[in-house]
Amino acid sequence: MSKAAELANLIGNINAGGGGVNKNIVINGSMNVAQRGTSVTGIGATTGYPTCDRWSFGREAGTEQARFTMTQDTASVGIDSLPFQEAGIRTALKMDVTTTESSLAAGEASYIFQRIEGFNCSNYDIKNKPITLSFYAKSDTKTGTMCASLYASSGARHHVKEYSITTDWQRFSLTFPADSGATAIANDNTNELQVNFVLTAGSNLQVTGDQWAGGFDIATSNQINFADSTDNNWYLTGVQLEIGQNETEFEREPFDVTREKCYRYTYKIDGSTQYTAFGVGKLNNTTDANNFITFPKEMRVKPTIIHDDVSKLRCDATTHLRSFSTVNNYLAKHGGNYNITGMSAVSSQEQACILRFETADSHILFDAEL
């Protein structure tokens, strides 16, 4: 796209209420932040957030047989690739089929999605303004029609569009028109707008494309079954959702800016070396202690606490590292207190303690995702 055309598109979007800094409603569209890890196998048994921050795997029926490895990929995005040449992007989300599903039941589906908080998209006048989704995608082997969709949860409305995947990187641009039947997007901390990228979809999830309609549907009948071979790998990056009828240049931002946005939804502390400290507090008695943390950014809601294995955590009290059995959550959105219980052989009270990781591969994660 020429600079003149890019400028014209940007002006058009500004006139529609978009454009400018933070024009991209999607967070981590370049797949640059992956606090949970860079590769997870066995994806497909449940819905959840495996690797790249803010990007979840979804399924519908619970009987889906397809399994995937999700990876924050760098090999596919070299300096000669289109995402790098156009947008300076060096990471992508990769879905590698590891277990096939040759025939889908009507209610089955597999897809990648991002839920967008109302506070980040309530300025979008869905009843009167268009919105444009652009992204880079490719496949290693399988080609054909794939689908992307929007779901506006306040009015329970969907809109499905098609794109044609090939084995080369392409930038796709899909413009969703205004929806006269929509409900205004709420200005709150709930899921108000959802972007879906479909890998498989049974007939119950298939509808006519290019129109807003009620319900949660994500594909057309032209959607290929991307899980029919273990040779299939799908790549996605440079995802941008912006108010207006035009695609504009991908809004690339510094890593620390993207990471700070992600901290509202997920904050993970890793054990970089054995006995790395990650919390301080005080003993309440010989068996439990309160520990305190302030999050780097206020989280969306009070987070849940996720740790890989409580046996890998220790409380450093007096001269010994003590194991404990339970982590209790008394946190707020900004941080606060989490309590540990089940220690033994602590000899004194009212003393300071330090929480440490027993091993370098330990972690504790605070989750406030949508």
Protein backbone atom coordinates (compact mmCIF):
# COMPACT_ATOMS: atom_id res chain seq x y z
CA MET A 1 0.00 0.00 0.00
CA SER A 2 1.37 3.44 -0.93
CA LYS A 3 1.87 6.11 1.72
CA ALA A 4 -0.83 8.22 0.06
CA ALA A 5 -3.32 5.35 0.26
CA GLU A 6 -2.31 4.61 3.86
CA LEU A 7 -2.88 8.26 4.79
CA ALA A 8 -6.26 8.30 3.05
CA ASN A 9 -7.32 5.14 4.91
CA LEU A 10 -6.19 6.58 8.25
CA ILE A 11 -8.09 9.83 7.66
CA GLY A 12 -11.19 7.84 6.74
CA ASN A 13 -10.97 5.86 9.97
CA ILE A 14 -10.39 9.01 12.04
CA ASN A 15 -13.55 10.46 10.52
CA ALA A 16 -15.35 7.29 11.65
CA GLY A 17 -14.09 7.71 15.22
CA GLY A 18 -10.97 5.51 15.03
CA GLY A 19 -7.36 6.00 14.01
CA GLY A 20 -4.53 7.58 15.97
CA VAL A 21 -2.50 6.10 18.82
CA ASN A 22 -4.02 2.95 20.34
CA LYS A 23 -6.22 2.49 17.27
CA ASN A 24 -5.82 -1.29 17.64
CA ILE A 25 -8.47 -2.64 20.01
CA VAL A 26 -6.75 -6.06 20.08
CA ILE A 27 -4.00 -6.57 22.67
CA ASN A 28 -0.84 -8.51 21.77
CA GLY A 29 -1.78 -8.79 18.10
CA SER A 30 1.87 -9.42 17.22
CA MET A 31 1.97 -12.43 19.61
CA ASN A 32 5.00 -10.84 21.25
CA VAL A 33 4.10 -11.56 24.89
CA ALA A 34 3.76 -15.14 26.14
CA GLN A 35 3.90 -15.16 29.95
CA ARG A 36 2.43 -18.66 30.32
CA GLY A 37 5.03 -20.26 28.05
CA THR A 38 6.10 -20.51 24.43
CA SER A 39 4.78 -23.98 23.58
CA VAL A 40 2.02 -26.19 25.00
CA THR A 41 0.99 -29.63 23.73
CA GLY A 42 -2.36 -31.41 23.92
CA ILE A 43 -4.45 -28.31 23.19
CA GLY A 44 -8.07 -29.21 22.46
CA ALA A 45 -9.26 -31.05 25.54
CA THR A 46 -10.38 -27.82 27.23
CA THR A 47 -10.82 -24.13 26.55
CA GLY A 48 -8.04 -21.94 27.93
CA TYR A 49 -5.09 -19.61 27.49
CA PRO A 50 -2.01 -21.74 26.69
CA THR A 51 0.74 -19.47 25.32
CA CYS A 52 0.45 -16.00 23.78
CA ASP A 53 -1.17 -13.57 26.19
CA ARG A 54 -4.86 -12.71 25.59
CA TRP A 55 -5.25 -15.45 22.94
CA SER A 56 -7.36 -18.40 23.98
CA PHE A 57 -8.22 -21.74 22.40
CA GLY A 58 -11.95 -22.40 22.22
CA ARG A 59 -14.12 -25.45 21.59
CA GLU A 60 -17.87 -25.89 21.68
CA ALA A 61 -19.15 -29.44 22.25
CA GLY A 62 -16.57 -30.91 24.59
CA THR A 63 -16.35 -34.00 22.36
CA GLU A 64 -13.80 -32.61 19.88
CA GLN A 65 -11.06 -35.14 19.13
CA ALA A 66 -8.58 -32.83 17.39
CA ARG A 67 -5.48 -31.91 19.37
CA PHE A 68 -2.91 -29.23 18.70
CA THR A 69 0.41 -27.89 19.87
CA MET A 70 0.19 -24.12 20.29
CA THR A 71 3.48 -22.27 19.94
CA GLN A 72 4.74 -18.73 20.02
CA ASP A 73 6.60 -19.21 16.74
CA THR A 74 9.62 -17.34 15.43
CA ALA A 75 10.83 -19.65 12.66
CA SER A 76 8.04 -18.67 10.25
CA VAL A 77 8.57 -14.92 10.62
CA GLY A 78 12.05 -14.27 9.23
CA ILE A 79 13.42 -10.99 7.94
CA ASP A 80 12.21 -11.82 4.43
CA SER A 81 8.65 -12.62 5.52
CA LEU A 82 5.74 -10.31 4.76
CA PRO A 83 4.87 -9.61 8.43
CA PHE A 84 8.42 -8.44 9.08
CA GLN A 85 8.80 -6.52 5.85
CA GLU A 86 5.53 -4.63 6.32
CA ALA A 87 5.20 -4.39 10.10
CA GLY A 88 8.48 -5.45 11.73
CA ILE A 89 6.78 -8.47 13.33
CA ARG A 90 9.00 -11.39 14.39
CA THR A 91 6.57 -13.68 16.25
CA ALA A 92 3.40 -15.58 15.32
CA LEU A 93 0.90 -17.92 16.95
CA LYS A 94 1.26 -21.40 15.45
CA MET A 95 -1.32 -24.20 15.68
CA ASP A 96 0.17 -27.59 14.80
CA VAL A 97 -2.32 -30.46 14.39
CA THR A 98 -1.06 -33.44 16.42
CA THR A 99 -4.27 -35.55 16.54
CA THR A 100 -6.63 -35.48 13.60
CA GLU A 101 -10.41 -35.34 13.48
CA SER A 102 -11.59 -36.36 10.04
CA SER A 103 -15.33 -36.00 10.64
CA LEU A 104 -16.89 -33.29 12.80
CA ALA A 105 -20.11 -33.65 14.74
CA ALA A 106 -22.63 -30.88 14.17
CA GLY A 107 -21.92 -29.07 17.42
CA GLU A 108 -18.12 -29.36 17.42
CA ALA A 109 -15.68 -26.53 16.71
CA SER A 110 -12.10 -25.46 17.37
CA TYR A 111 -11.00 -21.85 17.16
CA ILE A 112 -8.62 -19.19 18.45
CA PHE A 113 -10.18 -16.10 20.00
CA GLN A 114 -9.61 -12.90 21.92
CA ARG A 115 -12.25 -11.42 24.21
CA ILE A 116 -12.18 -7.62 24.35
CA GLU A 117 -13.10 -5.81 27.54
CA GLY A 118 -15.87 -3.23 27.32
CA PHE A 119 -13.63 -0.49 28.69
CA ASN A 120 -11.43 -0.96 25.59
CA CYS A 121 -14.14 -1.01 22.93
CA SER A 122 -17.19 0.87 24.22
CA ASN A 123 -16.20 3.85 22.05
CA TYR A 124 -17.12 1.69 19.03
CA ASP A 125 -20.59 2.71 17.84
CA ILE A 126 -21.55 -0.71 16.53
CA LYS A 127 -24.98 0.45 15.33
CA ASN A 128 -23.64 3.18 13.06
CA LYS A 129 -19.94 2.60 12.33
CA PRO A 130 -17.99 -0.14 10.51
CA ILE A 131 -14.98 -1.87 12.03
CA THR A 132 -12.06 -3.50 10.21
CA LEU A 133 -10.15 -6.64 11.15
CA SER A 134 -6.75 -7.15 9.51
CA PHE A 135 -4.20 -9.90 10.12
CA TYR A 136 -1.40 -11.96 8.60
CA ALA A 137 -1.96 -15.71 8.16
CA LYS A 138 -0.53 -18.71 6.32
CA SER A 139 -0.52 -22.50 6.29
CA ASP A 140 2.29 -25.00 5.72
CA THR A 141 0.26 -27.35 3.51
CA LYS A 142 -3.53 -27.09 3.62
CA THR A 143 -5.21 -24.33 1.65
CA GLY A 144 -8.79 -23.19 1.15
CA THR A 145 -11.52 -21.12 2.77
CA MET A 146 -11.26 -20.26 6.44
CA CYS A 147 -13.44 -18.00 8.55
CA ALA A 148 -13.03 -15.15 11.01
CA SER A 149 -15.91 -13.68 12.95
CA LEU A 150 -16.96 -11.05 15.45
CA TYR A 151 -19.30 -11.69 18.35
CA ALA A 152 -20.91 -8.75 20.16
CA SER A 153 -22.00 -10.22 23.48
CA SER A 154 -24.33 -7.46 24.74
CA GLY A 155 -26.76 -8.17 21.92
CA ALA A 156 -25.61 -11.77 21.33
CA ARG A 157 -24.91 -10.97 17.67
CA HIS A 158 -22.36 -12.48 15.27
CA HIS A 159 -20.92 -11.67 11.85
CA VAL A 160 -18.87 -14.22 9.86
CA LYS A 161 -16.46 -13.51 7.01
CA GLU A 162 -14.31 -15.77 4.82
CA TYR A 163 -10.68 -15.57 3.72
CA SER A 164 -8.56 -17.88 1.54
CA ILE A 165 -5.50 -19.37 3.23
CA THR A 166 -2.42 -20.32 1.20
CA THR A 167 1.11 -21.45 2.02
CA ASP A 168 2.40 -17.89 1.72
CA TRP A 169 2.02 -15.09 4.21
CA GLN A 170 -0.81 -12.75 3.24
CA ARG A 171 -2.36 -9.77 4.93
CA PHE A 172 -6.12 -10.07 5.04
CA SER A 173 -8.54 -7.20 5.58
CA LEU A 174 -12.17 -7.85 6.57
CA THR A 175 -14.55 -4.94 7.12
CA PHE A 176 -17.63 -5.56 9.25
CA PRO A 177 -20.44 -3.08 8.55
CA ALA A 178 -22.52 -1.35 11.19
CA ASP A 179 -25.22 -3.49 12.77
CA SER A 180 -28.58 -1.72 12.95
CA GLY A 181 -29.91 -4.47 15.23
CA ALA A 182 -27.09 -4.24 17.74
CA THR A 183 -27.14 -3.38 21.43
CA ALA A 184 -24.69 -0.68 22.47
CA ILE A 185 -21.39 -2.00 23.80
CA ALA A 186 -21.27 -1.68 27.59
CA ASN A 187 -18.54 0.42 29.18
CA ASP A 188 -17.49 -2.18 31.75
CA ASN A 189 -14.95 -4.92 32.45
CA THR A 190 -16.84 -7.80 30.80
CA ASN A 191 -16.41 -9.50 27.42
CA GLU A 192 -18.14 -7.12 25.03
CA LEU A 193 -16.54 -7.96 21.68
CA GLN A 194 -14.89 -11.23 20.65
CA VAL A 195 -12.66 -11.94 17.64
CA ASN A 196 -12.66 -15.57 16.45
CA PHE A 197 -10.37 -17.41 14.02
CA VAL A 198 -11.83 -20.79 13.09
CA LEU A 199 -9.93 -24.05 12.58
CA THR A 200 -12.91 -26.43 12.49
CA ALA A 201 -16.67 -25.93 12.69
CA GLY A 202 -19.57 -28.38 12.60
CA SER A 203 -22.82 -27.61 10.85
CA ASN A 204 -24.51 -26.17 13.95
CA LEU A 205 -21.90 -23.39 14.02
CA GLN A 206 -22.24 -22.60 10.30
CA VAL A 207 -24.31 -19.72 8.93
CA THR A 208 -24.56 -17.44 5.91
CA GLY A 209 -21.61 -15.08 5.87
CA ASP A 210 -21.40 -11.31 5.47
CA GLN A 211 -24.34 -10.42 7.68
CA TRP A 212 -25.09 -9.69 11.32
CA ALA A 213 -27.42 -12.17 12.98
CA GLY A 214 -28.39 -13.41 16.42
CA GLY A 215 -26.57 -16.19 18.27
CA PHE A 216 -22.99 -17.42 18.51
CA ASP A 217 -21.98 -18.80 15.10
CA ILE A 218 -18.45 -18.66 13.77
CA ALA A 219 -18.17 -20.09 10.24
CA THR A 220 -19.81 -20.70 6.89
CA SER A 221 -20.28 -24.08 5.24
CA ASN A 222 -17.16 -23.32 3.16
CA GLN A 223 -14.86 -23.54 6.21
CA ILE A 224 -12.24 -26.24 5.65
CA ASN A 225 -11.50 -28.86 8.30
CA PHE A 226 -8.03 -27.78 9.31
CA ALA A 227 -7.66 -30.73 11.68
CA ASP A 228 -7.83 -33.47 9.04
CA SER A 229 -4.05 -34.07 8.84
CA THR A 230 -1.07 -33.87 11.17
CA ASP A 231 0.77 -32.12 8.33
CA ASN A 232 -1.36 -29.02 8.91
CA ASN A 233 0.12 -25.98 10.61
CA TRP A 234 -1.67 -22.60 10.78
CA TYR A 235 0.03 -19.31 11.61
CA LEU A 236 -1.46 -16.00 12.74
CA THR A 237 0.06 -12.62 13.61
CA GLY A 238 -0.36 -8.89 13.17
CA VAL A 239 -4.00 -8.94 14.28
CA GLN A 240 -5.56 -5.48 14.31
CA LEU A 241 -9.15 -4.43 14.96
CA GLU A 242 -9.81 -0.75 14.31
CA ILE A 243 -12.86 1.46 14.01
CA GLY A 244 -13.51 2.49 10.43
CA GLN A 245 -13.93 0.97 6.99
CA ASN A 246 -10.24 0.77 6.09
CA GLU A 247 -7.23 -1.29 7.07
CA THR A 248 -4.23 0.78 8.10
CA GLU A 249 -0.63 -0.11 8.87
CA PHE A 250 -0.28 -2.48 11.83
CA GLU A 251 0.25 -0.52 15.03
CA ARG A 252 3.53 -1.88 16.32
CA GLU A 253 4.30 -0.91 19.90
CA PRO A 254 7.27 -1.47 22.24
CA PHE A 255 7.36 -4.81 24.02
CA ASP A 256 6.99 -3.26 27.48
CA VAL A 257 3.86 -1.37 26.39
CA THR A 258 2.19 -4.58 25.19
CA ARG A 259 3.31 -6.47 28.28
CA GLU A 260 1.86 -3.79 30.57
CA LYS A 261 -1.50 -4.08 28.80
CA CYS A 262 -1.35 -7.85 29.31
CA TYR A 263 -0.66 -7.41 33.03
CA ARG A 264 -4.28 -6.32 33.50
CA TYR A 265 -5.30 -9.89 32.66
CA THR A 266 -2.30 -12.05 33.60
CA TYR A 267 0.73 -11.51 35.80
CA LYS A 268 3.28 -14.30 36.15
CA ILE A 269 6.36 -14.51 38.36
CA ASP A 270 8.96 -17.11 37.36
CA GLY A 271 11.72 -18.66 39.38
CA SER A 272 14.76 -17.61 37.36
CA THR A 273 17.08 -19.56 39.67
CA GLN A 274 16.63 -21.86 42.63
CA TYR A 275 15.40 -20.01 45.74
CA THR A 276 14.43 -16.87 43.84
CA ALA A 277 12.34 -14.70 46.19
CA PHE A 278 8.89 -13.64 45.00
CA GLY A 279 7.05 -12.39 48.10
CA VAL A 280 7.47 -11.00 51.60
CA GLY A 281 5.23 -11.14 54.64
CA LYS A 282 4.94 -12.09 58.27
CA LEU A 283 4.17 -15.22 60.24
CA ASN A 284 0.82 -15.30 62.00
CA ASN A 285 1.65 -18.38 64.07
CA THR A 286 3.70 -21.55 63.72
CA THR A 287 1.70 -22.87 60.77
CA ASP A 288 0.62 -19.98 58.56
CA ALA A 289 1.76 -16.62 57.21
CA ASN A 290 0.41 -13.63 55.30
CA ASN A 291 2.32 -12.48 52.25
CA PHE A 292 1.87 -9.26 50.32
CA ILE A 293 2.14 -8.20 46.71
CA THR A 294 1.40 -5.08 44.67
CA PHE A 295 0.65 -5.81 41.02
CA PRO A 296 2.43 -3.75 38.34
CA LYS A 297 -0.99 -2.80 36.95
CA GLU A 298 -4.48 -2.96 38.43
CA MET A 299 -6.03 -6.20 37.23
CA ARG A 300 -9.43 -6.51 35.56
CA VAL A 301 -10.95 -8.33 38.55
CA LYS A 302 -9.64 -9.98 41.70
CA PRO A 303 -7.32 -12.61 40.20
CA THR A 304 -7.20 -16.29 40.86
CA ILE A 305 -3.85 -17.72 41.96
CA ILE A 306 -2.34 -20.46 39.81
CA HIS A 307 0.88 -22.27 40.68
CA ASP A 308 2.41 -25.25 38.94
CA ASP A 309 3.01 -27.23 42.14
CA VAL A 310 2.76 -26.01 45.73
CA SER A 311 5.57 -28.42 46.63
CA LYS A 312 7.91 -26.19 44.61
CA LEU A 313 7.22 -23.18 46.85
CA ARG A 314 8.89 -22.47 50.17
CA CYS A 315 8.52 -20.04 53.07
CA ASP A 316 11.85 -18.76 54.33
CA ALA A 317 11.24 -18.32 58.06
CA THR A 318 14.08 -17.85 60.55
CA THR A 319 16.86 -20.15 59.40
CA HIS A 320 14.94 -22.78 57.47
CA LEU A 321 12.92 -23.11 54.26
CA ARG A 322 9.51 -24.46 55.18
CA SER A 323 7.11 -26.23 52.87
CA PHE A 324 3.38 -25.48 53.05
CA SER A 325 0.24 -27.08 51.72
CA THR A 326 -2.24 -24.35 50.75
CA VAL A 327 -2.30 -20.87 49.20
CA ASN A 328 -5.40 -18.85 50.17
CA ASN A 329 -6.54 -15.87 48.10
CA TYR A 330 -7.32 -12.59 49.90
CA LEU A 331 -6.20 -10.39 47.02
CA ALA A 332 -7.85 -7.37 45.43
CA LYS A 333 -7.43 -5.99 41.91
CA HIS A 334 -4.37 -3.94 42.90
CA GLY A 335 -2.71 -6.71 44.94
CA GLY A 336 -2.88 -7.34 48.66
CA ASN A 337 -2.58 -10.44 50.81
CA TYR A 338 -2.39 -14.11 50.03
CA ASN A 339 -2.15 -16.51 52.92
CA ILE A 340 -0.16 -19.75 53.16
CA THR A 341 -1.00 -22.54 55.58
CA GLY A 342 0.20 -25.98 56.52
CA MET A 343 3.74 -25.17 57.63
CA SER A 344 5.40 -27.06 60.45
CA ALA A 345 8.27 -26.66 62.89
CA VAL A 346 8.31 -22.85 62.83
CA SER A 347 9.58 -21.93 66.26
CA SER A 348 8.56 -18.28 66.72
CA GLN A 349 5.84 -15.81 65.77
CA GLU A 350 5.52 -12.24 64.46
CA GLN A 351 8.61 -12.46 62.31
CA ALA A 352 9.20 -11.59 58.70
CA CYS A 353 9.30 -14.29 56.07
CA ILE A 354 10.20 -14.52 52.39
CA LEU A 355 8.50 -16.72 49.82
CA ARG A 356 10.91 -18.47 47.50
CA PHE A 357 10.79 -20.87 44.57
CA GLU A 358 12.28 -24.27 45.39
CA THR A 359 13.30 -24.85 41.77
CA ALA A 360 14.11 -22.61 38.81
CA ASP A 361 11.16 -23.91 36.77
CA SER A 362 8.60 -22.91 39.41
CA HIS A 363 6.09 -20.11 38.93
CA ILE A 364 3.08 -18.40 40.40
CA LEU A 365 0.50 -16.76 38.15
CA PHE A 366 -2.31 -14.30 38.87
CA ASP A 367 -5.16 -14.71 36.39
CA ALA A 368 -7.91 -12.14 35.69
CA GLU A 369 -8.68 -13.14 32.09
CA LEU A 370 -12.08 -12.82 30.47
